[in-house]
Amino acid sequence: MPYIDQDARHRLDGGEAPANAGELNYAVTRLVDAYLARAAEVSGRVRYAHLNEAVGVLECAKLELYRRVVAPYEDEKIAESGDVYTVG
């Protein structure tokens, strides 16, 4: 959840890198909120297209993280510990 204490918010808003999942969630939430606020400012209100764009960006960022970082990590662990799947 992005609901971290005020000291942590101040640190992150000042440019410090997130130190845990809650702080990361807060930082991402602030970026999305700023995008939506700017989109509303330009178009007069938040529109479905803006919300859809934000969700799409988050999904693509998630998929790219998985493709570039998580999958190679999992492949290393399979090589180290052995596979659990018998199919594929």
C-alpha atoms as a PDB file:
ATOM      1  CA  MET A   1       0.000   0.000   0.000  1.00  0.00           C
ATOM      2  CA  PRO A   2       1.232   3.519  -0.709  1.00  0.00           C
ATOM      3  CA  TYR A   3       0.152   4.810   2.706  1.00  0.00           C
ATOM      4  CA  ILE A   4       3.537   5.316   4.351  1.00  0.00           C
ATOM      5  CA  ASP A   5       4.350   7.739   7.163  1.00  0.00           C
ATOM      6  CA  GLN A   6       5.018  11.418   6.538  1.00  0.00           C
ATOM      7  CA  ASP A   7       8.775  11.161   7.143  1.00  0.00           C
ATOM      8  CA  ALA A   8       9.118   8.496   4.473  1.00  0.00           C
ATOM      9  CA  ARG A   9       6.949  10.529   2.094  1.00  0.00           C
ATOM     10  CA  HIS A  10       9.178  13.542   2.604  1.00  0.00           C
ATOM     11  CA  ARG A  11      12.323  11.491   1.927  1.00  0.00           C
ATOM     12  CA  LEU A  12      10.897   9.979  -1.240  1.00  0.00           C
ATOM     13  CA  ASP A  13       9.440  13.257  -2.482  1.00  0.00           C
ATOM     14  CA  GLY A  14      12.922  14.700  -1.998  1.00  0.00           C
ATOM     15  CA  GLY A  15      14.383  12.164  -4.398  1.00  0.00           C
ATOM     16  CA  GLU A  16      15.553   9.361  -2.109  1.00  0.00           C
ATOM     17  CA  ALA A  17      15.202   5.849  -3.518  1.00  0.00           C
ATOM     18  CA  PRO A  18      12.524   3.590  -1.996  1.00  0.00           C
ATOM     19  CA  ALA A  19      13.814   1.236   0.697  1.00  0.00           C
ATOM     20  CA  ASN A  20      10.924  -1.245   0.808  1.00  0.00           C
ATOM     21  CA  ALA A  21       7.825  -2.356  -1.089  1.00  0.00           C
ATOM     22  CA  GLY A  22       5.535   0.177   0.592  1.00  0.00           C
ATOM     23  CA  GLU A  23       7.859   3.022  -0.348  1.00  0.00           C
ATOM     24  CA  LEU A  24       8.161   1.724  -3.909  1.00  0.00           C
ATOM     25  CA  ASN A  25       4.365   1.557  -4.143  1.00  0.00           C
ATOM     26  CA  TYR A  26       4.162   5.151  -2.874  1.00  0.00           C
ATOM     27  CA  ALA A  27       6.731   6.376  -5.424  1.00  0.00           C
ATOM     28  CA  VAL A  28       4.958   4.674  -8.324  1.00  0.00           C
ATOM     29  CA  THR A  29       1.586   5.946  -7.087  1.00  0.00           C
ATOM     30  CA  ARG A  30       2.918   9.510  -6.952  1.00  0.00           C
ATOM     31  CA  LEU A  31       4.173   9.256 -10.544  1.00  0.00           C
ATOM     32  CA  VAL A  32       0.840   7.942 -11.795  1.00  0.00           C
ATOM     33  CA  ASP A  33      -1.043  10.581  -9.828  1.00  0.00           C
ATOM     34  CA  ALA A  34       1.140  13.343 -11.304  1.00  0.00           C
ATOM     35  CA  TYR A  35       0.507  11.990 -14.800  1.00  0.00           C
ATOM     36  CA  LEU A  36      -3.254  11.890 -14.238  1.00  0.00           C
ATOM     37  CA  ALA A  37      -3.261  15.374 -12.695  1.00  0.00           C
ATOM     38  CA  ARG A  38      -1.373  16.756 -15.694  1.00  0.00           C
ATOM     39  CA  ALA A  39      -3.687  14.969 -18.133  1.00  0.00           C
ATOM     40  CA  ALA A  40      -6.712  16.414 -16.323  1.00  0.00           C
ATOM     41  CA  GLU A  41      -5.171  19.871 -16.405  1.00  0.00           C
ATOM     42  CA  VAL A  42      -4.667  19.690 -20.166  1.00  0.00           C
ATOM     43  CA  SER A  43      -8.029  18.131 -21.070  1.00  0.00           C
ATOM     44  CA  GLY A  44     -10.217  19.586 -18.332  1.00  0.00           C
ATOM     45  CA  ARG A  45     -10.754  16.321 -16.466  1.00  0.00           C
ATOM     46  CA  VAL A  46      -9.440  12.808 -16.149  1.00  0.00           C
ATOM     47  CA  ARG A  47     -10.767  10.696 -18.973  1.00  0.00           C
ATOM     48  CA  TYR A  48     -11.007   6.955 -19.412  1.00  0.00           C
ATOM     49  CA  ALA A  49      -8.202   7.125 -21.980  1.00  0.00           C
ATOM     50  CA  HIS A  50      -5.837   8.580 -19.348  1.00  0.00           C
ATOM     51  CA  LEU A  51      -6.732   5.864 -16.851  1.00  0.00           C
ATOM     52  CA  ASN A  52      -6.349   3.198 -19.519  1.00  0.00           C
ATOM     53  CA  GLU A  53      -2.956   4.622 -20.505  1.00  0.00           C
ATOM     54  CA  ALA A  54      -1.767   4.594 -16.888  1.00  0.00           C
ATOM     55  CA  VAL A  55      -2.880   0.998 -16.356  1.00  0.00           C
ATOM     56  CA  GLY A  56      -1.277  -0.007 -19.662  1.00  0.00           C
ATOM     57  CA  VAL A  57       2.029   1.605 -18.732  1.00  0.00           C
ATOM     58  CA  LEU A  58       2.036  -0.136 -15.357  1.00  0.00           C
ATOM     59  CA  GLU A  59       1.264  -3.478 -17.001  1.00  0.00           C
ATOM     60  CA  CYS A  60       4.005  -3.029 -19.598  1.00  0.00           C
ATOM     61  CA  ALA A  61       6.503  -1.985 -16.924  1.00  0.00           C
ATOM     62  CA  LYS A  62       5.567  -5.099 -14.943  1.00  0.00           C
ATOM     63  CA  LEU A  63       5.978  -7.333 -17.968  1.00  0.00           C
ATOM     64  CA  GLU A  64       9.339  -5.780 -18.871  1.00  0.00           C
ATOM     65  CA  LEU A  65      10.591  -6.237 -15.300  1.00  0.00           C
ATOM     66  CA  TYR A  66       9.534  -9.873 -15.458  1.00  0.00           C
ATOM     67  CA  ARG A  67      11.106 -10.431 -18.886  1.00  0.00           C
ATOM     68  CA  ARG A  68      14.401  -8.682 -18.171  1.00  0.00           C
ATOM     69  CA  VAL A  69      14.981  -9.367 -14.463  1.00  0.00           C
ATOM     70  CA  VAL A  70      12.694 -12.030 -12.986  1.00  0.00           C
ATOM     71  CA  ALA A  71      12.828 -14.685 -15.727  1.00  0.00           C
ATOM     72  CA  PRO A  72      16.654 -14.705 -15.939  1.00  0.00           C
ATOM     73  CA  TYR A  73      16.812 -14.922 -12.129  1.00  0.00           C
ATOM     74  CA  GLU A  74      14.414 -17.865 -12.148  1.00  0.00           C
ATOM     75  CA  ASP A  75      16.457 -19.540 -14.891  1.00  0.00           C
ATOM     76  CA  GLU A  76      19.568 -19.244 -12.699  1.00  0.00           C
ATOM     77  CA  LYS A  77      17.722 -20.816  -9.776  1.00  0.00           C
ATOM     78  CA  ILE A  78      16.494 -23.675 -11.976  1.00  0.00           C
ATOM     79  CA  ALA A  79      20.082 -24.341 -13.051  1.00  0.00           C
ATOM     80  CA  GLU A  80      21.270 -24.239  -9.431  1.00  0.00           C
ATOM     81  CA  SER A  81      18.494 -26.232  -7.783  1.00  0.00           C
ATOM     82  CA  GLY A  82      16.888 -28.271 -10.524  1.00  0.00           C
ATOM     83  CA  ASP A  83      13.565 -27.910 -12.271  1.00  0.00           C
ATOM     84  CA  VAL A  84      10.243 -28.871 -10.708  1.00  0.00           C
ATOM     85  CA  TYR A  85       8.310 -29.146 -13.963  1.00  0.00           C
ATOM     86  CA  THR A  86       8.275 -32.422 -15.845  1.00  0.00           C
ATOM     87  CA  VAL A  87       6.499 -30.951 -18.883  1.00  0.00           C
ATOM     88  CA  GLY A  88       7.745 -28.255 -21.213  1.00  0.00           C
END
